[in-house]
């Protein structure tokens, strides 16, 4: 007897329907065909134990499982459940197996028939919604799948419950309401998003800024660095913090997510899709509502940073999408890994090429990097002597290529904090930023001006992402700034890319000031954040 069920396989950021055909005939042995990896081929051993544990019989005949289309490689353990139901249906142990065609069924089986959560659920749910079937999957994944509006989602905990849903009239008991909100989400006006042809939304959604016990008021001194972070957050610019140990570089970087505006629903869906594919959503969770902050160790490989592997999965640059990627001790990362960052920084995506096809992962993130000025860390320190020879300092900086540094908009020197600054109350420091909430409000206002400006340019939402045509239209230099920039190009050796980035920074500074046009003082302040060009 031949029974057909449906599963789904994730390839990059998309899912494709997989037809699972199970045939039980006279003979011996089990076979799984259709370009299945080792985990899929092992599934019949888990399925046999699960079937017996729940009171059914594993057929002692020839079982052939075909996963179509056969040209696509199938990986992972999520095909356990559709294969098990196919075996039960083909062996006549469940009634009306034709009803299996109404659902896409995915889940990993344990030996006692319980279900374990799987990854890639959100993109699978989008694909199933487009095809008009219901989705049966482990209960721990149900909230994630229920983000797709109108999709019939059934969260089950065991093989026995799946049979109850499909064949014994128990579907209503396991139906999960659509658009399940994540616990803790605050209610705001309803919104609706369409991703991949499937509607996402309908339920009230509210993102929240990253809350932390740390505040800008708790950072002594460093007014220049705080100002740089405010500009970076307002325009989505990349930042490099250079200074001796103990000056607060890491603390400043960790404060940045707190001043970024909350995620929109569209951004939250994008982030959730990436984390779903990567298998990094906690079981039982739904929508990710806070901006990511990723801080990989400097021993991370190039693949873990930019993505890839077998099968290809998102890397840290994609996990930081719509958020912050923090690279501490930047020169300690392998040079090749850092060079791989150049394309994502420019294109805001990662393209992975394989023999079987090309995959693309989104990677629109803010890069925040920190480093010492030399190997010992005390070059230029007012009180401590640097012990590094000039040749060693040169080799240290050569670990960072010019093209990479050109892609970092704000290059900030973070100096040591004096005793007077450490001892003074934050509000008495000259030029000090008052609090995280105050800065966040200023950043939100600047981002709103950019949103209005770029309303006619889909996909463009921040000054850092402007191209040449946008610069000519929105970043016209005032008369007094041309000579200033000419001197900067000649004295600092600014490249054409760095020149454009100065104009983008100036545009962000003007937005923070509420100015529709650039002024000379905006350009002058922007040039202060390119001082490291002269030192290299």
Protein backbone atom coordinates (compact mmCIF):
# COMPACT_ATOMS: atom_id res chain seq x y z
CA UNK A 1 0.00 0.00 0.00
CA UNK A 2 1.24 3.51 -0.81
CA UNK A 3 0.54 6.50 1.45
CA UNK A 4 1.57 10.13 0.83
CA UNK A 5 2.30 12.73 3.49
CA UNK A 6 3.94 16.14 3.25
CA UNK A 7 6.96 17.64 4.98
CA UNK A 8 9.15 20.68 4.37
CA UNK A 9 12.86 21.31 3.96
CA UNK A 10 14.63 24.59 4.72
CA UNK A 11 17.14 25.93 2.20
CA UNK A 12 18.71 29.20 3.30
CA UNK A 13 15.88 31.58 4.22
CA UNK A 14 13.20 29.68 2.30
CA UNK A 15 11.35 26.37 2.73
CA UNK A 16 10.27 23.94 0.04
CA UNK A 17 7.52 21.33 0.16
CA UNK A 18 8.71 17.72 0.35
CA UNK A 19 6.41 14.86 -0.62
CA UNK A 20 6.92 11.84 1.63
CA UNK A 21 5.80 8.61 -0.08
CA UNK A 22 5.76 5.42 2.00
CA UNK A 23 5.23 1.99 0.46
CA UNK A 24 4.76 -1.20 2.51
CA UNK A 25 5.01 -4.34 0.36
CA UNK A 26 6.08 -7.96 0.60
CA UNK A 27 9.77 -8.43 1.23
CA UNK A 28 12.41 -7.42 3.75
CA UNK A 29 14.52 -4.42 4.74
CA UNK A 30 13.87 -0.69 5.04
CA UNK A 31 14.93 1.89 2.47
CA UNK A 32 14.91 5.69 2.43
CA UNK A 33 15.62 7.26 -0.98
CA UNK A 34 15.61 10.85 -2.21
CA UNK A 35 19.05 12.26 -1.32
CA UNK A 36 18.65 11.94 2.46
CA UNK A 37 21.52 12.60 4.86
CA UNK A 38 22.58 10.34 7.73
CA UNK A 39 20.13 11.81 10.25
CA UNK A 40 17.19 11.11 7.92
CA UNK A 41 18.39 7.60 7.10
CA UNK A 42 18.60 6.80 10.82
CA UNK A 43 14.99 7.88 11.37
CA UNK A 44 13.48 4.40 10.86
CA UNK A 45 15.24 3.15 14.00
CA UNK A 46 13.69 5.95 16.07
CA UNK A 47 10.35 5.46 14.33
CA UNK A 48 10.30 1.74 15.11
CA UNK A 49 10.81 2.35 18.82
CA UNK A 50 8.21 5.17 18.89
CA UNK A 51 5.60 3.05 17.09
CA UNK A 52 6.07 0.08 19.43
CA UNK A 53 6.03 2.30 22.54
CA UNK A 54 2.57 3.54 21.58
CA UNK A 55 0.98 0.14 21.02
CA UNK A 56 1.29 -0.15 17.23
CA UNK A 57 3.32 -2.67 15.25
CA UNK A 58 6.31 -1.98 13.03
CA UNK A 59 5.69 -3.87 9.77
CA UNK A 60 8.11 -6.76 9.24
CA UNK A 61 7.97 -6.27 5.49
CA UNK A 62 9.69 -4.17 2.88
CA UNK A 63 9.33 -0.43 3.60
CA UNK A 64 10.42 2.10 0.98
CA UNK A 65 10.34 5.82 1.81
CA UNK A 66 10.78 8.29 -1.04
CA UNK A 67 11.45 11.99 -0.33
CA UNK A 68 10.59 14.00 -3.43
CA UNK A 69 11.86 15.95 -5.25
CA UNK A 70 14.79 13.57 -5.16
CA UNK A 71 17.30 16.17 -6.41
CA UNK A 72 17.13 18.27 -3.22
CA UNK A 73 19.20 17.15 -0.24
CA UNK A 74 17.17 16.53 2.91
CA UNK A 75 18.85 17.03 6.27
CA UNK A 76 17.98 16.79 9.94
CA UNK A 77 15.59 14.79 12.08
CA UNK A 78 12.35 16.70 11.42
CA UNK A 79 11.19 14.10 8.86
CA UNK A 80 10.71 11.48 11.62
CA UNK A 81 7.06 12.38 12.11
CA UNK A 82 5.76 12.37 8.51
CA UNK A 83 7.62 9.11 7.81
CA UNK A 84 6.14 7.50 10.94
CA UNK A 85 2.61 8.47 9.94
CA UNK A 86 3.27 7.18 6.43
CA UNK A 87 4.37 3.83 7.85
CA UNK A 88 1.26 3.61 10.07
CA UNK A 89 -1.00 4.56 7.17
CA UNK A 90 0.61 2.24 4.61
CA UNK A 91 0.41 -0.69 7.05
CA UNK A 92 -3.30 -0.08 7.71
CA UNK A 93 -2.95 0.84 11.39
CA UNK A 94 -4.69 4.22 11.14
CA UNK A 95 -8.01 4.83 9.46
CA UNK A 96 -8.47 7.08 6.45
CA UNK A 97 -4.76 7.78 5.72
CA UNK A 98 -5.82 10.01 2.81
CA UNK A 99 -6.49 12.73 5.38
CA UNK A 100 -2.72 13.01 5.85
CA UNK A 101 -2.61 14.95 2.57
CA UNK A 102 -4.41 17.88 4.24
CA UNK A 103 -1.39 18.67 6.45
CA UNK A 104 2.31 19.36 6.41
CA UNK A 105 3.72 17.36 9.32
CA UNK A 106 7.15 17.90 10.87
CA UNK A 107 8.80 16.81 14.11
CA UNK A 108 11.60 14.77 15.65
CA UNK A 109 10.56 11.63 17.50
CA UNK A 110 12.08 10.34 20.70
CA UNK A 111 12.15 6.60 21.34
CA UNK A 112 8.95 6.72 23.44
CA UNK A 113 7.00 8.67 20.79
CA UNK A 114 7.35 12.12 22.37
CA UNK A 115 8.15 15.03 20.04
CA UNK A 116 11.19 17.26 20.21
CA UNK A 117 11.26 20.83 18.78
CA UNK A 118 12.69 21.54 15.34
CA UNK A 119 14.25 24.60 13.68
CA UNK A 120 13.19 26.73 10.74
CA UNK A 121 9.54 26.68 11.81
CA UNK A 122 8.63 30.22 10.74
CA UNK A 123 9.82 29.82 7.16
CA UNK A 124 8.15 26.39 7.02
CA UNK A 125 4.89 27.96 8.22
CA UNK A 126 5.12 30.63 5.50
CA UNK A 127 5.54 27.94 2.85
CA UNK A 128 2.65 25.85 4.20
CA UNK A 129 0.34 28.88 4.30
CA UNK A 130 1.02 29.56 0.62
CA UNK A 131 0.03 25.99 -0.24
CA UNK A 132 -3.19 26.02 1.77
CA UNK A 133 -2.57 23.07 4.12
CA UNK A 134 -2.60 22.83 7.89
CA UNK A 135 0.63 22.48 9.89
CA UNK A 136 1.20 19.84 12.58
CA UNK A 137 4.38 20.21 14.59
CA UNK A 138 5.76 19.94 18.16
CA UNK A 139 3.88 22.01 20.72
CA UNK A 140 7.06 23.89 21.66
CA UNK A 141 7.19 25.32 18.12
CA UNK A 142 3.50 26.20 17.92
CA UNK A 143 3.76 29.85 19.07
CA UNK A 144 6.35 30.54 16.39
CA UNK A 145 4.25 28.97 13.61
CA UNK A 146 1.12 30.75 14.82
CA UNK A 147 2.66 34.09 13.84
CA UNK A 148 1.37 33.35 10.33
CA UNK A 149 -2.16 34.70 10.27
CA UNK A 150 -4.86 32.29 9.14
CA UNK A 151 -2.63 29.21 9.09
CA UNK A 152 -4.20 26.19 10.88
CA UNK A 153 -1.48 25.23 13.39
CA UNK A 154 -1.71 22.15 15.60
CA UNK A 155 0.77 21.85 18.44
CA UNK A 156 1.20 18.25 19.59
CA UNK A 157 3.45 16.51 22.09
CA UNK A 158 3.48 12.90 20.90
CA UNK A 159 2.91 10.57 17.98
CA UNK A 160 -0.37 9.47 19.57
CA UNK A 161 -1.66 13.06 19.57
CA UNK A 162 -0.78 13.48 15.88
CA UNK A 163 -2.92 10.47 15.01
CA UNK A 164 -5.70 11.98 17.13
CA UNK A 165 -5.51 15.25 15.15
CA UNK A 166 -5.47 13.62 11.71
CA UNK A 167 -7.69 10.59 11.99
CA UNK A 168 -9.73 10.60 15.17
CA UNK A 169 -11.42 14.01 15.28
CA UNK A 170 -9.21 15.62 17.89
CA UNK A 171 -8.02 18.54 15.79
CA UNK A 172 -9.91 21.20 17.76
CA UNK A 173 -8.15 20.26 21.00
CA UNK A 174 -4.70 20.97 19.55
CA UNK A 175 -5.47 24.01 17.34
CA UNK A 176 -3.28 26.99 18.26
CA UNK A 177 -4.76 30.51 17.80
CA UNK A 178 -3.11 32.49 15.00
CA UNK A 179 -0.69 35.30 15.72
CA UNK A 180 0.19 34.11 19.20
CA UNK A 181 1.98 36.99 20.87
CA UNK A 182 5.18 36.43 22.73
CA UNK A 183 4.77 36.62 26.52
CA UNK A 184 5.56 40.11 27.75
CA UNK A 185 4.69 41.94 24.51
CA UNK A 186 2.83 45.17 25.20
CA UNK A 187 -0.30 45.99 23.24
CA UNK A 188 -0.30 48.75 20.65
CA UNK A 189 -2.22 49.40 17.46
CA UNK A 190 -2.64 46.27 15.30
CA UNK A 191 -0.41 45.88 12.27
CA UNK A 192 -0.07 43.39 9.46
CA UNK A 193 2.91 42.29 7.40
CA UNK A 194 3.20 40.04 4.35
CA UNK A 195 6.34 37.88 4.23
CA UNK A 196 6.82 35.46 1.37
CA UNK A 197 3.14 35.67 0.42
CA UNK A 198 1.90 34.79 3.93
CA UNK A 199 0.23 37.32 6.18
CA UNK A 200 1.98 37.91 9.47
CA UNK A 201 0.21 39.99 12.04
CA UNK A 202 -3.30 40.77 13.10
CA UNK A 203 -2.47 40.53 16.80
CA UNK A 204 -1.30 43.64 18.66
CA UNK A 205 2.46 43.96 18.60
CA UNK A 206 4.84 46.12 20.55
CA UNK A 207 8.60 46.04 20.43
CA UNK A 208 10.63 47.37 23.29
CA UNK A 209 13.99 49.06 23.57
CA UNK A 210 16.67 46.93 25.16
CA UNK A 211 16.35 47.47 28.89
CA UNK A 212 19.49 47.33 31.01
CA UNK A 213 20.64 48.21 34.48
CA UNK A 214 23.41 50.21 32.77
CA UNK A 215 22.82 53.81 31.74
CA UNK A 216 24.80 56.50 29.98
CA UNK A 217 24.82 58.35 33.30
CA UNK A 218 26.91 55.54 34.79
CA UNK A 219 29.80 56.08 32.35
CA UNK A 220 32.32 58.55 33.71
CA UNK A 221 33.60 61.08 31.18
CA UNK A 222 34.00 59.94 27.56
CA UNK A 223 31.70 62.69 26.23
CA UNK A 224 33.29 62.38 22.77
CA UNK A 225 32.66 58.62 22.60
CA UNK A 226 29.09 59.01 23.86
CA UNK A 227 28.44 61.60 21.19
CA UNK A 228 29.82 59.20 18.57
CA UNK A 229 27.45 56.45 19.73
CA UNK A 230 24.52 58.85 19.59
CA UNK A 231 25.40 59.73 15.98
CA UNK A 232 25.96 56.07 15.13
CA UNK A 233 22.55 55.05 16.51
CA UNK A 234 20.80 57.94 14.78
CA UNK A 235 22.18 57.07 11.33
CA UNK A 236 22.96 53.33 11.66
CA UNK A 237 26.67 54.01 11.24
CA UNK A 238 29.55 51.64 12.03
CA UNK A 239 31.89 52.57 14.89
CA UNK A 240 35.46 51.75 15.87
CA UNK A 241 36.53 52.54 19.46
CA UNK A 242 40.30 52.76 19.96
CA UNK A 243 41.82 53.27 23.38
CA UNK A 244 43.90 51.82 26.22
CA UNK A 245 42.58 49.02 28.46
CA UNK A 246 40.09 50.05 31.11
CA UNK A 247 38.73 53.14 29.36
CA UNK A 248 35.21 51.75 29.00
CA UNK A 249 35.14 50.67 25.34
CA UNK A 250 33.22 47.46 25.99
CA UNK A 251 30.81 49.18 28.36
CA UNK A 252 30.08 51.87 25.79
CA UNK A 253 29.42 49.25 23.11
CA UNK A 254 26.99 47.39 25.35
CA UNK A 255 25.09 50.63 25.96
CA UNK A 256 24.39 51.11 22.25
CA UNK A 257 21.35 48.78 21.91
CA UNK A 258 19.60 50.75 24.64
CA UNK A 259 19.51 53.93 22.56
CA UNK A 260 18.38 52.30 19.31
CA UNK A 261 14.71 52.71 18.39
CA UNK A 262 12.44 49.70 19.00
CA UNK A 263 11.98 47.15 16.25
CA UNK A 264 9.08 47.59 13.87
CA UNK A 265 6.91 44.53 13.26
CA UNK A 266 8.54 44.04 9.85
CA UNK A 267 12.00 44.09 11.42
CA UNK A 268 10.90 41.76 14.21
CA UNK A 269 9.63 39.23 11.66
CA UNK A 270 12.93 39.41 9.74
CA UNK A 271 14.92 38.77 12.90
CA UNK A 272 12.65 35.93 13.97
CA UNK A 273 12.98 34.22 10.57
CA UNK A 274 16.79 34.27 10.83
CA UNK A 275 16.84 32.92 14.38
CA UNK A 276 14.29 30.28 13.39
CA UNK A 277 16.47 29.02 10.53
CA UNK A 278 19.53 29.05 12.80
CA UNK A 279 17.68 27.08 15.49
CA UNK A 280 18.21 29.77 18.11
CA UNK A 281 14.62 30.47 19.17
CA UNK A 282 13.83 29.21 22.64
CA UNK A 283 11.12 26.53 22.68
CA UNK A 284 7.72 28.06 23.36
CA UNK A 285 8.77 31.52 22.18
CA UNK A 286 7.14 33.49 19.39
CA UNK A 287 8.19 36.81 17.93
CA UNK A 288 11.60 38.27 18.82
CA UNK A 289 10.80 41.83 19.83
CA UNK A 290 14.19 43.30 20.81
CA UNK A 291 17.13 44.24 18.63
CA UNK A 292 19.88 41.62 18.59
CA UNK A 293 23.27 42.23 20.16
CA UNK A 294 25.88 39.68 19.07
CA UNK A 295 29.39 39.58 20.52
CA UNK A 296 31.38 36.65 19.05
CA UNK A 297 34.80 35.74 20.48
CA UNK A 298 37.86 36.67 18.44
CA UNK A 299 38.62 32.98 17.93
CA UNK A 300 35.46 32.62 15.81
CA UNK A 301 35.95 31.16 12.36
CA UNK A 302 35.07 32.94 9.15
CA UNK A 303 32.12 30.58 8.61
CA UNK A 304 30.68 31.29 12.05
CA UNK A 305 30.94 35.03 11.37
CA UNK A 306 29.47 35.30 7.88
CA UNK A 307 27.54 32.03 7.58
CA UNK A 308 27.80 28.91 5.48
CA UNK A 309 28.65 25.33 6.38
CA UNK A 310 26.80 22.17 5.39
CA UNK A 311 23.93 22.78 5.32
CA UNK A 312 24.43 26.57 5.02
CA UNK A 313 23.23 28.44 8.11
CA UNK A 314 23.22 32.14 9.07
CA UNK A 315 26.39 33.47 10.72
CA UNK A 316 26.88 36.15 13.33
CA UNK A 317 26.46 38.96 10.80
CA UNK A 318 22.97 37.65 9.98
CA UNK A 319 22.09 36.95 13.61
CA UNK A 320 22.89 40.64 14.21
CA UNK A 321 20.48 41.71 11.45
CA UNK A 322 18.57 44.86 12.49
CA UNK A 323 20.82 45.03 15.55
CA UNK A 324 24.44 45.32 16.65
CA UNK A 325 27.50 43.16 15.95
CA UNK A 326 30.20 43.88 18.53
CA UNK A 327 33.74 42.72 17.78
CA UNK A 328 35.98 43.24 20.81
CA UNK A 329 39.77 43.10 20.32
CA UNK A 330 39.27 43.58 16.59
CA UNK A 331 42.88 42.90 15.45
CA UNK A 332 42.83 39.53 17.24
CA UNK A 333 40.27 38.17 14.76
CA UNK A 334 41.82 36.25 11.86
CA UNK A 335 42.51 38.69 9.03
CA UNK A 336 40.62 36.54 6.53
CA UNK A 337 37.55 36.55 8.77
CA UNK A 338 37.63 40.34 8.90
CA UNK A 339 38.03 40.60 5.14
CA UNK A 340 34.90 38.50 4.73
CA UNK A 341 33.00 41.28 6.54
CA UNK A 342 33.60 43.76 3.73
CA UNK A 343 30.88 42.47 1.43
CA UNK A 344 28.14 42.24 4.12
CA UNK A 345 29.01 45.74 5.34
CA UNK A 346 28.55 47.11 1.83
CA UNK A 347 25.64 45.01 0.53
CA UNK A 348 23.80 44.29 3.82
CA UNK A 349 23.47 40.64 2.83
CA UNK A 350 25.58 37.47 2.62
CA UNK A 351 25.58 35.37 -0.54
CA UNK A 352 26.61 31.73 -0.14
CA UNK A 353 27.36 29.82 -3.34
CA UNK A 354 27.14 26.05 -3.49
CA UNK A 355 27.02 23.51 -6.32
CA UNK A 356 23.32 23.03 -5.58
CA UNK A 357 22.58 26.77 -5.84
CA UNK A 358 23.03 30.20 -4.31
CA UNK A 359 21.61 31.24 -0.95
CA UNK A 360 21.27 34.72 0.50
CA UNK A 361 21.07 35.66 4.18
CA UNK A 362 20.14 39.22 5.27
CA UNK A 363 22.88 41.06 7.18
CA UNK A 364 21.91 44.67 7.78
CA UNK A 365 23.68 45.35 11.08
CA UNK A 366 25.62 48.04 12.88
CA UNK A 367 29.24 47.09 13.43
CA UNK A 368 30.79 48.25 16.68
CA UNK A 369 34.45 47.28 17.09
CA UNK A 370 36.92 47.94 19.89
CA UNK A 371 40.71 47.68 19.95
CA UNK A 372 43.84 48.89 21.72
CA UNK A 373 46.08 51.43 19.97
CA UNK A 374 49.01 48.96 20.08
CA UNK A 375 49.76 45.42 21.35
CA UNK A 376 50.63 46.57 24.88
CA UNK A 377 47.67 48.95 24.85
CA UNK A 378 49.35 52.13 26.09
CA UNK A 379 50.42 53.96 22.96
CA UNK A 380 49.61 57.64 23.49
CA UNK A 381 48.68 57.13 27.15
CA UNK A 382 49.43 60.27 29.20
CA UNK A 383 50.72 58.38 32.26
CA UNK A 384 51.96 54.98 31.08
CA UNK A 385 54.75 54.24 28.65
CA UNK A 386 54.22 52.14 25.54
CA UNK A 387 56.72 49.27 25.28
CA UNK A 388 55.97 48.40 21.64
CA UNK A 389 58.58 49.06 18.94
CA UNK A 390 57.33 50.99 15.93
CA UNK A 391 57.57 47.92 13.68
CA UNK A 392 55.36 45.93 16.06
CA UNK A 393 52.78 48.73 16.15
CA UNK A 394 52.82 48.83 12.36
CA UNK A 395 52.21 45.08 12.08
CA UNK A 396 49.42 45.37 14.64
CA UNK A 397 47.55 47.94 12.54
CA UNK A 398 48.26 46.06 9.33
CA UNK A 399 45.95 43.32 10.56
CA UNK A 400 43.16 45.71 9.59
CA UNK A 401 43.05 46.47 5.90
CA UNK A 402 42.38 49.93 4.53
CA UNK A 403 39.19 48.82 2.71
CA UNK A 404 37.78 47.46 5.96
CA UNK A 405 38.55 50.63 7.93
CA UNK A 406 37.05 52.73 5.13
CA UNK A 407 33.75 50.96 5.77
CA UNK A 408 33.75 52.04 9.43
CA UNK A 409 32.16 55.49 9.51
CA UNK A 410 33.12 56.70 12.99
CA UNK A 411 36.66 56.14 14.24
CA UNK A 412 36.75 57.23 17.86
CA UNK A 413 39.73 57.59 20.17
CA UNK A 414 38.73 56.71 23.72
CA UNK A 415 41.21 58.19 26.18
CA UNK A 416 41.78 57.39 29.87
CA UNK A 417 39.37 58.91 32.37
CA UNK A 418 40.80 61.39 34.87
CA UNK A 419 40.17 61.21 38.61
CA UNK A 420 38.10 64.39 38.43
CA UNK A 421 35.80 62.82 35.83
CA UNK A 422 35.45 59.61 37.85
CA UNK A 423 34.69 61.51 41.03
CA UNK A 424 32.32 64.10 39.54
CA UNK A 425 28.56 63.73 39.38
CA UNK A 426 27.53 62.88 35.78
CA UNK A 427 25.34 65.95 35.37
CA UNK A 428 28.24 68.31 36.18
CA UNK A 429 30.55 67.05 33.40
CA UNK A 430 30.90 69.41 30.41
CA UNK A 431 29.12 68.18 27.31
CA UNK A 432 27.98 65.01 29.06
CA UNK A 433 25.00 63.09 27.74
CA UNK A 434 22.42 62.87 30.49
CA UNK A 435 20.72 59.48 30.29
CA UNK A 436 19.98 56.56 27.98
CA UNK A 437 16.29 57.54 27.80
CA UNK A 438 17.19 61.11 26.77
CA UNK A 439 19.56 59.93 24.04
CA UNK A 440 17.08 57.34 22.81
CA UNK A 441 14.45 60.04 22.36
CA UNK A 442 16.87 62.17 20.30
CA UNK A 443 17.83 59.16 18.20
CA UNK A 444 14.17 58.30 17.59
CA UNK A 445 13.47 61.85 16.42
CA UNK A 446 16.43 61.74 14.01
CA UNK A 447 15.34 58.34 12.66
CA UNK A 448 11.82 59.71 12.12
CA UNK A 449 13.24 62.52 9.97
CA UNK A 450 15.13 59.95 7.90
CA UNK A 451 12.03 57.80 7.54
CA UNK A 452 10.11 60.76 6.12
CA UNK A 453 13.00 61.70 3.82
CA UNK A 454 13.40 58.22 2.39
CA UNK A 455 9.70 57.36 2.14
CA UNK A 456 10.00 57.18 -1.65
CA UNK A 457 13.01 54.82 -1.51
CA UNK A 458 11.96 51.27 -0.47
CA UNK A 459 14.61 49.51 1.60
CA UNK A 460 16.38 52.76 2.53
CA UNK A 461 15.72 53.79 6.10
CA UNK A 462 18.98 55.23 7.50
CA UNK A 463 21.62 57.71 6.37
CA UNK A 464 24.41 55.11 6.46
CA UNK A 465 22.71 53.18 3.65
CA UNK A 466 22.55 56.04 1.13
CA UNK A 467 24.13 55.58 -2.31
CA UNK A 468 25.74 58.19 -4.54
CA UNK A 469 22.46 59.39 -6.04
CA UNK A 470 21.04 59.95 -2.56
CA UNK A 471 24.16 61.85 -1.45
CA UNK A 472 23.85 64.33 -4.32
CA UNK A 473 20.22 64.91 -3.45
CA UNK A 474 20.24 64.95 0.36
CA UNK A 475 23.81 65.87 1.35
CA UNK A 476 24.57 69.02 -0.58
CA UNK A 477 27.54 70.73 1.00
CA UNK A 478 27.31 74.34 2.15
CA UNK A 479 29.63 76.84 0.49
CA UNK A 480 32.00 77.06 3.43
CA UNK A 481 32.46 73.30 3.74
CA UNK A 482 34.13 72.62 0.38
CA UNK A 483 37.49 74.03 1.44
CA UNK A 484 37.26 72.18 4.74
CA UNK A 485 36.72 68.85 3.00
CA UNK A 486 39.41 69.59 0.42
CA UNK A 487 41.97 70.05 3.19
CA UNK A 488 40.77 66.89 4.89
CA UNK A 489 41.15 64.83 1.72
CA UNK A 490 44.69 66.16 1.16
CA UNK A 491 45.86 65.93 4.78
CA UNK A 492 44.09 62.76 5.91
CA UNK A 493 44.28 60.93 2.61
CA UNK A 494 40.54 60.18 2.61
CA UNK A 495 39.41 57.76 -0.08
CA UNK A 496 36.29 58.41 -2.13
CA UNK A 497 34.38 55.99 0.11
CA UNK A 498 35.58 57.76 3.28
CA UNK A 499 34.67 61.11 1.72
CA UNK A 500 31.10 59.91 1.15
CA UNK A 501 30.92 58.57 4.68
CA UNK A 502 31.86 61.97 6.09
CA UNK A 503 28.90 63.44 4.21
CA UNK A 504 26.59 60.74 5.58
CA UNK A 505 27.76 61.43 9.14
CA UNK A 506 27.24 65.17 8.61
CA UNK A 507 23.69 64.45 7.41
CA UNK A 508 23.01 62.47 10.61
CA UNK A 509 24.41 65.25 12.79
CA UNK A 510 22.10 67.68 11.00
CA UNK A 511 19.15 65.34 11.66
CA UNK A 512 20.01 65.28 15.37
CA UNK A 513 20.01 69.09 15.29
CA UNK A 514 16.72 69.16 13.39
CA UNK A 515 18.27 70.92 10.38
CA UNK A 516 16.96 70.29 6.87
CA UNK A 517 20.24 71.35 5.21
CA UNK A 518 23.87 70.69 6.06
CA UNK A 519 25.90 73.39 7.76
CA UNK A 520 29.65 73.85 7.95
CA UNK A 521 29.68 72.92 11.64
CA UNK A 522 28.04 69.58 10.83
CA UNK A 523 30.79 68.75 8.35
CA UNK A 524 33.48 69.92 10.79
CA UNK A 525 32.16 67.64 13.54
CA UNK A 526 31.90 64.72 11.12
CA UNK A 527 35.59 65.14 10.21
CA UNK A 528 36.54 64.79 13.88
CA UNK A 529 35.57 61.13 13.65
CA UNK A 530 38.06 60.33 10.85
CA UNK A 531 41.20 61.17 12.82
CA UNK A 532 42.62 57.66 12.65
CA UNK A 533 43.03 57.98 8.86
CA UNK A 534 46.02 60.22 9.48
CA UNK A 535 47.67 57.76 11.88
CA UNK A 536 47.57 54.71 9.62
